[in-house]
Amino acid sequence: MVVGDFALELDTVVIGAGPGGYVAAIRAAQMGQKVAIIERENVGGVCLNVGCIPSKALIAAGHHYQEAQHSEMFGVTAENVTLDFAKTQEWKTNGVVNKLTSGVGMLLKKNKVEIIEGEAFFVDDHTLRVIHPDSAQTYEFKNAIVATGSRPIEIPGFKFAGRVIDSTGGLALTEVPKKLVIIGGGVIGAELGGAYANLGSEVTILEGSPQILPTYEKDMVKIVEAEFNKKGMTVITNAMAKEAVDNGDSVTVKYAVDGKEEEITADYVMVTVGRRPNTDDMGLEQAGVEIGERGLINVDAQCRTNVSNIYAIGDIVPGAALAHKASYEAKIAAEAISGKKVAVDYKAMPAVAFTDPELASVGMTIAEAKEAGIDAKAFKFPFAGNGRALSLGKTEGFIRLVATTEDHVLIGAQVAGISASDMVSELALAIESGMNAEDIALTIHPHPSLGEIVMDASELALGLPIHA
């Protein structure tokens, strides 16, 4: 108890209102718990406000701009195509982001979740204090779910200021840069690099590893690299970023490749080398919560920390930093508090890069299967063999299924091509349900559709391909 501050009692408190936190709060309320959610910035968190959603809006705008300029193959020609980027940004903010965040706010209120604005600090394992701009309040709680997300990593020589920006700054630009340098060719860098290239920027990506999108297989990445080349993008791998010099009206980036010093000047440099979990400076140690390597919190199969009544989900726990992973863990934690016998199972956790074309992966790769000692084979069917892909003019890419050799049970899949983000859900369901290739092949897919590629790949796995 803080002197002069009467503590208010809470049942379940959720810290952070991103895709992990708000889902946890709603599910906990559905389970009959009295729930409060604490948010220091914006309901919806990074994902809805300055991450997943606004980036996809810019990607969509870039696609429309490119289609307006280059649709001659369909017999469609447009002249004097222009881009009003201020209007693009206004649509992104008011037409997309604000609609979603206000919708989340309404969902929380509909489920009778109390929304507390402010920054939370743990006092002990049953007490926290929320600091508001002009006041503070102490709360006592039974259970807490920590869903505080992550923030961009700032690297030496690239302090975020002026023309040195992070992904949040990259999404908030008021103009399309003539030249843009991106440090880091992971998912965020590749997505935003492709978006700005489509919008008219001359983009250079500097990546420290041997390939961009290092979490995806090489043959998938090669398709994206080929598309980057068509856009006039430059990708430099094995590059070590050294320093950014802000010239006022431009920025010069110094880097090294194989020991040779190089430099490039652009309008902006955007640093997208990863994200750091928001677990510092919030008193978790005061609550007895152990914080492990790289600021991550180790949890059990129910997302429970070493303190039995405190749970942690999303970017602050080990594993992929994915919004849908956070939402999945949110439901597990909320239901575990209610006494349900639930546990996390990540075997069918999809990952997607919204590049051109999109990349998606779920389950095991063939290399991972072999490393695990599983006798498996991979079967690959191209988009070029699909009527719907041909009619869309999007024939780049393939679907690969990884199935056990003996009974053809699907244990993994990779998709590189248009709408990969949508197509991967069927494959995730198949893996989660323990289906084999015959189950998929016998599922009637509509014609003509991209989904038929999944069916064709399944028939290939059975040794009975029609269209191969």
Protein backbone atom coordinates (compact mmCIF):
# COMPACT_ATOMS: atom_id res chain seq x y z
CA MET A 1 0.00 0.00 0.00
CA VAL A 2 1.31 3.44 -0.93
CA VAL A 3 0.83 6.10 1.75
CA GLY A 4 -1.96 8.51 0.83
CA ASP A 5 -3.20 6.28 -2.00
CA PHE A 6 -6.13 3.92 -1.41
CA ALA A 7 -5.61 0.77 -3.50
CA LEU A 8 -8.41 -0.29 -5.81
CA GLU A 9 -9.07 -4.01 -6.26
CA LEU A 10 -8.91 -5.76 -9.62
CA ASP A 11 -9.60 -9.38 -10.53
CA THR A 12 -7.62 -9.84 -13.77
CA VAL A 13 -5.47 -7.01 -15.09
CA VAL A 14 -3.95 -6.97 -18.58
CA ILE A 15 -1.01 -4.67 -19.26
CA GLY A 16 -0.89 -3.58 -22.89
CA ALA A 17 -3.77 -3.26 -25.36
CA GLY A 18 -2.14 -4.64 -28.51
CA PRO A 19 -3.25 -7.78 -30.39
CA GLY A 20 -2.14 -9.85 -27.41
CA GLY A 21 -3.50 -7.68 -24.63
CA TYR A 22 -6.91 -6.74 -25.97
CA VAL A 23 -7.62 -10.34 -27.03
CA ALA A 24 -6.58 -11.55 -23.57
CA ALA A 25 -8.87 -9.02 -21.92
CA ILE A 26 -11.87 -9.93 -24.05
CA ARG A 27 -11.38 -13.69 -23.65
CA ALA A 28 -10.89 -13.31 -19.88
CA ALA A 29 -14.14 -11.32 -19.72
CA GLN A 30 -15.89 -14.03 -21.74
CA MET A 31 -14.65 -16.52 -19.15
CA GLY A 32 -16.47 -14.57 -16.44
CA GLN A 33 -13.53 -12.63 -15.05
CA LYS A 34 -13.74 -8.97 -14.03
CA VAL A 35 -11.10 -7.43 -16.28
CA ALA A 36 -9.19 -4.17 -16.54
CA ILE A 37 -6.69 -3.34 -19.27
CA ILE A 38 -3.92 -0.76 -18.90
CA GLU A 39 -2.51 1.03 -21.96
CA ARG A 40 0.05 3.86 -21.92
CA GLU A 41 -0.25 4.88 -25.58
CA ASN A 42 -2.91 3.67 -28.02
CA VAL A 43 -5.49 0.90 -27.91
CA GLY A 44 -4.50 -1.59 -30.60
CA GLY A 45 -0.80 -1.38 -29.77
CA VAL A 46 2.01 -1.24 -32.29
CA CYS A 47 0.32 -3.64 -34.73
CA LEU A 48 -2.84 -1.64 -35.36
CA ASN A 49 -1.34 1.83 -34.98
CA VAL A 50 2.21 1.80 -36.35
CA GLY A 51 2.91 -1.75 -37.54
CA CYS A 52 1.08 -4.60 -39.26
CA ILE A 53 -2.02 -2.70 -40.36
CA PRO A 54 -0.66 0.65 -41.62
CA SER A 55 2.21 -1.11 -43.41
CA LYS A 56 -0.26 -3.31 -45.29
CA ALA A 57 -2.23 -0.19 -46.21
CA LEU A 58 0.90 1.37 -47.76
CA ILE A 59 1.68 -1.91 -49.52
CA ALA A 60 -1.84 -1.94 -50.99
CA ALA A 61 -1.50 1.69 -52.12
CA GLY A 62 1.76 0.83 -53.85
CA HIS A 63 0.11 -2.06 -55.68
CA HIS A 64 -2.71 0.18 -56.91
CA TYR A 65 -0.21 2.79 -58.11
CA GLN A 66 1.79 0.20 -60.02
CA GLU A 67 -1.32 -1.40 -61.54
CA ALA A 68 -2.53 2.01 -62.72
CA GLN A 69 0.77 2.54 -64.54
CA HIS A 70 1.48 -0.96 -65.81
CA SER A 71 -1.60 -2.88 -66.95
CA GLU A 72 -0.87 -2.91 -70.66
CA MET A 73 -0.85 -6.72 -70.74
CA PHE A 74 -4.57 -6.61 -69.92
CA GLY A 75 -5.20 -4.06 -72.66
CA VAL A 76 -5.56 -1.31 -70.06
CA THR A 77 -3.53 1.86 -70.54
CA ALA A 78 -3.68 4.90 -68.29
CA GLU A 79 -1.93 8.20 -68.90
CA ASN A 80 -0.69 10.84 -66.48
CA VAL A 81 -1.06 8.63 -63.41
CA THR A 82 -0.23 10.63 -60.29
CA LEU A 83 0.19 9.86 -56.61
CA ASP A 84 -1.22 12.14 -53.91
CA PHE A 85 0.75 10.76 -50.97
CA ALA A 86 -0.93 13.07 -48.46
CA LYS A 87 -4.25 11.51 -49.45
CA THR A 88 -2.68 8.03 -49.22
CA GLN A 89 -1.55 8.75 -45.67
CA GLU A 90 -4.93 10.23 -44.74
CA TRP A 91 -6.69 7.10 -46.01
CA LYS A 92 -4.22 4.89 -44.18
CA THR A 93 -4.83 6.70 -40.90
CA ASN A 94 -8.54 7.57 -40.99
CA GLY A 95 -9.81 4.96 -43.43
CA VAL A 96 -7.97 2.00 -41.93
CA VAL A 97 -6.12 2.48 -38.64
CA ASN A 98 -8.62 4.65 -36.79
CA LYS A 99 -11.54 2.42 -37.80
CA LEU A 100 -9.80 -0.64 -36.39
CA THR A 101 -8.58 0.97 -33.16
CA SER A 102 -11.99 2.50 -32.43
CA GLY A 103 -13.50 -0.91 -33.15
CA VAL A 104 -11.20 -2.54 -30.60
CA GLY A 105 -12.19 0.10 -28.05
CA MET A 106 -15.85 -0.69 -28.63
CA LEU A 107 -15.22 -4.44 -28.30
CA LEU A 108 -13.51 -3.89 -24.95
CA LYS A 109 -16.41 -1.79 -23.68
CA LYS A 110 -18.96 -4.29 -25.05
CA ASN A 111 -17.26 -7.00 -23.00
CA LYS A 112 -17.27 -4.73 -19.92
CA VAL A 113 -13.48 -4.43 -19.81
CA GLU A 114 -12.35 -1.38 -17.85
CA ILE A 115 -9.81 0.65 -19.84
CA ILE A 116 -7.18 2.39 -17.70
CA GLU A 117 -4.93 4.90 -19.41
CA GLY A 118 -1.43 5.21 -18.01
CA GLU A 119 1.85 3.38 -17.45
CA ALA A 120 1.91 0.35 -15.16
CA PHE A 121 4.66 -0.44 -12.65
CA PHE A 122 4.66 -3.52 -10.44
CA VAL A 123 5.05 -2.96 -6.71
CA ASP A 124 4.90 -6.66 -5.84
CA ASP A 125 3.26 -9.82 -7.17
CA HIS A 126 -0.26 -8.59 -6.32
CA THR A 127 0.11 -4.83 -6.53
CA LEU A 128 0.83 -2.36 -9.29
CA ARG A 129 0.78 1.38 -9.67
CA VAL A 130 -0.49 3.21 -12.73
CA ILE A 131 1.07 6.57 -13.49
CA HIS A 132 -1.06 9.10 -15.34
CA PRO A 133 0.22 12.44 -16.69
CA ASP A 134 -1.09 14.29 -13.64
CA SER A 135 -1.91 11.58 -11.10
CA ALA A 136 -1.26 8.01 -9.95
CA GLN A 137 -3.32 5.11 -8.65
CA THR A 138 -2.47 1.87 -6.89
CA TYR A 139 -4.28 -1.37 -7.75
CA GLU A 140 -4.29 -4.78 -6.11
CA PHE A 141 -4.90 -7.70 -8.48
CA LYS A 142 -5.44 -11.46 -8.37
CA ASN A 143 -3.93 -12.28 -11.78
CA ALA A 144 -2.00 -10.25 -14.34
CA ILE A 145 -1.27 -10.82 -18.02
CA VAL A 146 1.71 -8.82 -19.29
CA ALA A 147 1.42 -8.01 -23.00
CA THR A 148 3.65 -4.98 -23.39
CA GLY A 149 5.02 -5.80 -26.86
CA SER A 150 8.29 -4.56 -28.29
CA ARG A 151 10.03 -1.52 -29.76
CA PRO A 152 12.55 -1.01 -32.61
CA ILE A 153 16.20 -1.66 -31.85
CA GLU A 154 18.45 1.37 -32.19
CA ILE A 155 21.98 0.47 -33.33
CA PRO A 156 25.22 2.40 -32.70
CA GLY A 157 25.78 5.20 -35.21
CA PHE A 158 22.10 5.35 -36.14
CA LYS A 159 20.33 7.33 -33.42
CA PHE A 160 16.67 7.82 -34.32
CA ALA A 161 16.45 11.52 -35.11
CA GLY A 162 15.90 13.69 -38.16
CA ARG A 163 16.45 11.65 -41.29
CA VAL A 164 17.38 8.49 -39.38
CA ILE A 165 14.05 6.77 -38.72
CA ASP A 166 12.61 3.51 -37.45
CA SER A 167 9.67 1.65 -39.01
CA THR A 168 7.21 3.91 -37.20
CA GLY A 169 8.84 6.93 -38.79
CA GLY A 170 8.88 5.13 -42.13
CA LEU A 171 5.13 4.70 -42.01
CA ALA A 172 4.57 8.35 -41.09
CA LEU A 173 6.56 10.05 -43.87
CA THR A 174 4.79 13.01 -45.45
CA GLU A 175 6.46 12.48 -48.80
CA VAL A 176 7.68 9.56 -50.86
CA PRO A 177 11.49 9.71 -50.63
CA LYS A 178 13.35 9.94 -53.92
CA LYS A 179 16.01 7.74 -52.34
CA LEU A 180 15.57 5.49 -49.32
CA VAL A 181 18.16 3.31 -47.58
CA ILE A 182 16.95 0.49 -45.33
CA ILE A 183 19.24 -1.12 -42.78
CA GLY A 184 18.00 -4.67 -42.29
CA GLY A 185 16.41 -6.89 -44.91
CA GLY A 186 14.16 -8.92 -42.66
CA VAL A 187 10.38 -8.99 -43.00
CA ILE A 188 9.78 -5.36 -41.97
CA GLY A 189 12.59 -3.98 -44.13
CA ALA A 190 11.63 -6.06 -47.16
CA GLU A 191 7.93 -5.22 -46.87
CA LEU A 192 8.42 -1.46 -46.48
CA GLY A 193 11.22 -1.42 -49.04
CA GLY A 194 8.95 -3.04 -51.60
CA ALA A 195 6.08 -0.69 -50.70
CA TYR A 196 8.15 2.46 -51.17
CA ALA A 197 9.69 1.11 -54.38
CA ASN A 198 6.15 0.64 -55.72
CA LEU A 199 5.35 4.20 -54.67
CA GLY A 200 8.32 5.52 -56.63
CA SER A 201 11.35 5.47 -54.32
CA GLU A 202 14.82 4.34 -55.32
CA VAL A 203 15.39 1.80 -52.54
CA THR A 204 18.63 0.25 -51.29
CA ILE A 205 18.54 -2.49 -48.65
CA LEU A 206 21.65 -3.25 -46.60
CA GLU A 207 21.45 -6.69 -44.98
CA GLY A 208 24.10 -8.12 -42.66
CA SER A 209 23.45 -11.79 -43.44
CA PRO A 210 24.03 -13.59 -46.77
CA GLN A 211 20.40 -13.15 -47.88
CA ILE A 212 17.42 -10.93 -47.21
CA LEU A 213 14.45 -12.53 -45.43
CA PRO A 214 16.82 -14.99 -43.71
CA THR A 215 14.00 -16.90 -41.99
CA TYR A 216 12.65 -18.10 -45.36
CA GLU A 217 14.11 -20.73 -47.67
CA LYS A 218 16.41 -19.60 -50.47
CA ASP A 219 14.21 -20.62 -53.40
CA MET A 220 11.36 -18.57 -51.92
CA VAL A 221 13.57 -15.53 -51.37
CA LYS A 222 14.95 -15.69 -54.91
CA ILE A 223 11.47 -14.96 -56.28
CA VAL A 224 11.24 -11.83 -54.12
CA GLU A 225 14.75 -10.78 -55.14
CA ALA A 226 13.81 -11.11 -58.80
CA GLU A 227 10.81 -8.85 -58.24
CA PHE A 228 13.00 -6.37 -56.35
CA ASN A 229 15.30 -6.27 -59.39
CA LYS A 230 12.34 -5.47 -61.64
CA LYS A 231 11.48 -2.55 -59.37
CA GLY A 232 15.04 -1.22 -59.62
CA MET A 233 15.79 -1.95 -55.97
CA THR A 234 19.35 -2.61 -54.83
CA VAL A 235 20.03 -5.34 -52.26
CA ILE A 236 23.49 -5.50 -50.68
CA THR A 237 24.07 -8.51 -48.43
CA ASN A 238 26.89 -9.17 -45.95
CA ALA A 239 26.84 -5.43 -45.32
CA MET A 240 27.75 -3.96 -41.94
CA ALA A 241 26.18 -0.58 -41.25
CA LYS A 242 28.67 1.80 -39.63
CA GLU A 243 27.24 5.29 -39.32
CA ALA A 244 24.61 7.70 -40.56
CA VAL A 245 25.52 11.35 -41.10
CA ASP A 246 22.53 13.72 -41.24
CA ASN A 247 23.31 16.42 -43.80
CA GLY A 248 20.15 18.40 -43.12
CA ASP A 249 18.46 17.81 -46.46
CA SER A 250 19.83 14.27 -46.87
CA VAL A 251 21.58 11.51 -44.95
CA THR A 252 24.79 9.66 -45.80
CA VAL A 253 25.05 6.03 -44.74
CA LYS A 254 28.48 4.51 -44.27
CA TYR A 255 28.80 0.74 -44.42
CA ALA A 256 31.33 -2.01 -45.13
CA VAL A 257 31.17 -5.10 -47.34
CA ASP A 258 33.98 -7.65 -47.02
CA GLY A 259 36.06 -5.05 -45.22
CA LYS A 260 35.67 -2.42 -47.93
CA GLU A 261 34.21 0.90 -46.78
CA GLU A 262 31.31 2.27 -48.85
CA GLU A 263 28.76 5.05 -48.51
CA ILE A 264 25.44 6.05 -50.01
CA THR A 265 23.38 9.23 -49.69
CA ALA A 266 19.59 9.25 -49.54
CA ASP A 267 16.64 11.29 -48.31
CA TYR A 268 16.11 8.97 -45.34
CA VAL A 269 17.62 5.89 -43.76
CA MET A 270 15.21 3.51 -42.06
CA VAL A 271 16.60 1.05 -39.51
CA THR A 272 14.70 -2.26 -39.28
CA VAL A 273 17.15 -4.65 -37.64
CA GLY A 274 14.76 -6.14 -35.13
CA ARG A 275 12.76 -5.29 -32.03
CA ARG A 276 13.45 -5.28 -28.30
CA PRO A 277 10.90 -6.61 -25.74
CA ASN A 278 9.30 -4.02 -23.48
CA THR A 279 10.12 -5.70 -20.18
CA ASP A 280 12.43 -3.10 -18.67
CA ASP A 281 11.53 -0.27 -16.30
CA MET A 282 8.16 -1.66 -15.27
CA GLY A 283 9.05 -3.32 -11.95
CA LEU A 284 8.80 -6.95 -13.02
CA GLU A 285 11.72 -7.73 -10.72
CA GLN A 286 9.74 -6.23 -7.83
CA ALA A 287 7.04 -8.77 -8.57
CA GLY A 288 9.61 -11.57 -8.60
CA VAL A 289 9.30 -12.25 -12.34
CA GLU A 290 12.52 -13.60 -13.81
CA ILE A 291 13.67 -11.92 -17.01
CA GLY A 292 15.91 -14.06 -19.19
CA GLU A 293 18.12 -13.63 -22.21
CA ARG A 294 17.58 -10.54 -24.39
CA GLY A 295 14.90 -9.26 -22.02
CA LEU A 296 12.50 -12.12 -22.74
CA ILE A 297 10.37 -13.77 -20.06
CA ASN A 298 10.33 -17.55 -19.92
CA VAL A 299 6.85 -19.01 -19.49
CA ASP A 300 5.29 -22.45 -19.21
CA ALA A 301 2.81 -24.07 -21.60
CA GLN A 302 0.01 -21.91 -20.18
CA CYS A 303 2.01 -18.67 -20.58
CA ARG A 304 2.60 -18.50 -16.82
CA THR A 305 5.81 -16.91 -15.56
CA ASN A 306 7.75 -18.19 -12.55
CA VAL A 307 5.27 -16.19 -10.46
CA SER A 308 2.10 -18.28 -10.49
CA ASN A 309 -0.42 -15.46 -10.88
CA ILE A 310 1.48 -13.44 -13.50
CA TYR A 311 1.36 -14.45 -17.17
CA ALA A 312 3.28 -13.10 -20.17
CA ILE A 313 2.45 -13.26 -23.88
CA GLY A 314 3.52 -11.97 -27.30
CA ASP A 315 6.79 -10.27 -28.18
CA ILE A 316 8.05 -10.41 -24.58
CA VAL A 317 8.26 -14.22 -24.50
CA PRO A 318 10.49 -16.55 -26.58
CA GLY A 319 9.41 -17.44 -30.09
CA ALA A 320 8.47 -15.57 -33.21
CA ALA A 321 7.33 -11.97 -32.72
CA LEU A 322 4.02 -12.33 -34.56
CA ALA A 323 0.75 -10.56 -33.82
CA HIS A 324 -1.28 -13.74 -34.36
CA LYS A 325 1.03 -15.65 -31.99
CA ALA A 326 0.33 -13.02 -29.33
CA SER A 327 -3.43 -13.32 -29.89
CA TYR A 328 -3.22 -17.11 -29.68
CA GLU A 329 -1.22 -16.98 -26.44
CA ALA A 330 -3.67 -14.40 -25.10
CA LYS A 331 -6.54 -16.89 -25.28
CA ILE A 332 -4.44 -19.61 -23.63
CA ALA A 333 -3.45 -17.35 -20.71
CA ALA A 334 -6.98 -16.01 -20.18
CA GLU A 335 -8.48 -19.50 -20.22
CA ALA A 336 -5.73 -20.88 -17.95
CA ILE A 337 -6.64 -18.25 -15.35
CA SER A 338 -10.21 -19.54 -15.53
CA GLY A 339 -8.98 -23.05 -14.77
CA LYS A 340 -9.35 -24.53 -18.24
CA LYS A 341 -6.91 -27.29 -19.18
CA VAL A 342 -5.25 -25.54 -22.11
CA ALA A 343 -1.67 -25.37 -23.39
CA VAL A 344 0.16 -23.75 -26.28
CA ASP A 345 0.91 -25.79 -29.39
CA TYR A 346 2.94 -24.02 -32.05
CA LYS A 347 3.24 -26.82 -34.62
CA ALA A 348 0.95 -25.02 -37.10
CA MET A 349 1.98 -21.40 -36.45
CA PRO A 350 2.11 -19.63 -39.84
CA ALA A 351 4.54 -16.85 -40.70
CA VAL A 352 4.00 -14.41 -43.57
CA ALA A 353 6.07 -11.79 -45.38
CA PHE A 354 3.86 -9.36 -47.33
CA THR A 355 6.45 -8.85 -50.03
CA ASP A 356 6.03 -9.07 -53.82
CA PRO A 357 5.17 -11.87 -54.13
CA GLU A 358 4.02 -12.83 -50.64
CA LEU A 359 5.83 -15.58 -48.73
CA ALA A 360 4.22 -17.85 -46.17
CA SER A 361 5.44 -20.82 -44.20
CA VAL A 362 3.82 -23.14 -41.66
CA GLY A 363 5.05 -26.23 -39.88
CA MET A 364 8.37 -27.81 -40.84
CA THR A 365 10.63 -27.28 -43.81
CA ILE A 366 12.13 -30.41 -45.37
CA ALA A 367 15.46 -29.54 -43.73
CA GLU A 368 13.83 -29.25 -40.30
CA ALA A 369 12.03 -32.56 -40.80
CA LYS A 370 15.27 -34.35 -41.64
CA GLU A 371 17.01 -32.71 -38.67
CA ALA A 372 14.22 -34.02 -36.44
CA GLY A 373 14.74 -37.52 -37.82
CA ILE A 374 11.44 -37.60 -39.71
CA ASP A 375 11.36 -39.53 -42.98
CA ALA A 376 9.70 -36.94 -45.21
CA LYS A 377 9.61 -35.68 -48.79
CA ALA A 378 8.81 -32.32 -50.37
CA PHE A 379 6.45 -31.81 -53.31
CA LYS A 380 6.41 -28.54 -55.24
CA PHE A 381 3.74 -27.25 -57.63
CA PRO A 382 4.18 -23.96 -59.57
CA PHE A 383 1.70 -21.09 -59.77
CA ALA A 384 2.40 -21.08 -63.52
CA GLY A 385 0.37 -24.31 -63.81
CA ASN A 386 -2.75 -22.70 -62.36
CA GLY A 387 -5.47 -21.09 -64.47
CA ARG A 388 -6.43 -18.47 -61.91
CA ALA A 389 -2.81 -17.34 -61.49
CA LEU A 390 -2.48 -17.05 -65.27
CA SER A 391 -5.64 -14.96 -65.52
CA LEU A 392 -4.33 -12.64 -62.82
CA GLY A 393 -0.98 -12.28 -64.56
CA LYS A 394 0.72 -13.51 -61.37
CA THR A 395 2.47 -16.76 -62.22
CA GLU A 396 5.58 -16.32 -60.08
CA GLY A 397 5.99 -18.77 -57.24
CA PHE A 398 5.03 -22.20 -55.97
CA ILE A 399 3.49 -24.20 -53.16
CA ARG A 400 5.61 -26.85 -51.49
CA LEU A 401 4.17 -29.51 -49.23
CA VAL A 402 6.31 -31.44 -46.76
CA ALA A 403 4.77 -34.83 -45.98
CA THR A 404 5.85 -38.01 -44.25
CA THR A 405 7.09 -40.64 -46.71
CA GLU A 406 5.08 -43.57 -45.39
CA ASP A 407 1.56 -42.16 -44.97
CA HIS A 408 1.81 -38.68 -46.56
CA VAL A 409 0.79 -36.80 -43.40
CA LEU A 410 1.31 -33.09 -43.93
CA ILE A 411 3.89 -31.68 -41.49
CA GLY A 412 4.87 -28.46 -43.27
CA ALA A 413 4.17 -26.19 -46.21
CA GLN A 414 5.67 -23.15 -47.90
CA VAL A 415 3.89 -20.77 -50.26
CA ALA A 416 5.58 -18.19 -52.47
CA GLY A 417 3.16 -16.29 -54.66
CA ILE A 418 0.14 -14.03 -54.83
CA SER A 419 -2.25 -14.39 -51.85
CA ALA A 420 0.16 -16.65 -49.97
CA SER A 421 -1.07 -15.00 -46.75
CA ASP A 422 -4.59 -16.27 -47.43
CA MET A 423 -3.68 -19.68 -48.83
CA VAL A 424 -1.51 -20.70 -45.89
CA SER A 425 -4.53 -20.97 -43.56
CA GLU A 426 -5.83 -24.09 -45.32
CA LEU A 427 -2.42 -25.65 -44.94
CA ALA A 428 -2.19 -24.67 -41.28
CA LEU A 429 -5.57 -26.31 -40.66
CA ALA A 430 -4.41 -29.46 -42.45
CA ILE A 431 -1.27 -29.69 -40.31
CA GLU A 432 -3.15 -28.89 -37.10
CA SER A 433 -5.74 -31.59 -37.92
CA GLY A 434 -3.16 -34.23 -38.84
CA MET A 435 -4.46 -34.54 -42.41
CA ASN A 436 -2.60 -36.40 -45.12
CA ALA A 437 -2.23 -35.57 -48.79
CA GLU A 438 -5.21 -37.73 -49.70
CA ASP A 439 -7.48 -35.75 -47.35
CA ILE A 440 -6.53 -32.54 -49.16
CA ALA A 441 -6.68 -34.06 -52.64
CA LEU A 442 -10.21 -35.40 -51.97
CA THR A 443 -11.36 -31.97 -50.79
CA ILE A 444 -13.11 -30.37 -53.76
CA HIS A 445 -11.54 -27.00 -54.55
CA PRO A 446 -13.43 -24.43 -56.66
CA HIS A 447 -12.27 -23.82 -60.22
CA PRO A 448 -10.63 -21.62 -61.21
CA SER A 449 -8.97 -20.68 -57.93
CA LEU A 450 -5.51 -20.35 -56.46
CA GLY A 451 -6.55 -22.92 -53.87
CA GLU A 452 -6.38 -25.58 -56.57
CA ILE A 453 -2.59 -25.34 -56.33
CA VAL A 454 -2.86 -26.91 -52.88
CA MET A 455 -4.91 -29.75 -54.34
CA ASP A 456 -2.48 -30.22 -57.24
CA ALA A 457 0.48 -30.34 -54.87
CA SER A 458 -1.34 -32.94 -52.78
CA GLU A 459 -1.96 -35.11 -55.84
CA LEU A 460 1.71 -34.75 -56.69
CA ALA A 461 2.56 -36.06 -53.22
CA LEU A 462 0.31 -39.08 -53.85
CA GLY A 463 2.03 -39.75 -57.17
CA LEU A 464 -1.19 -39.07 -59.09
CA PRO A 465 -0.78 -35.57 -60.51
CA ILE A 466 -3.24 -34.35 -63.12
CA HIS A 467 -1.65 -31.03 -64.03
CA ALA A 468 2.05 -31.67 -63.46
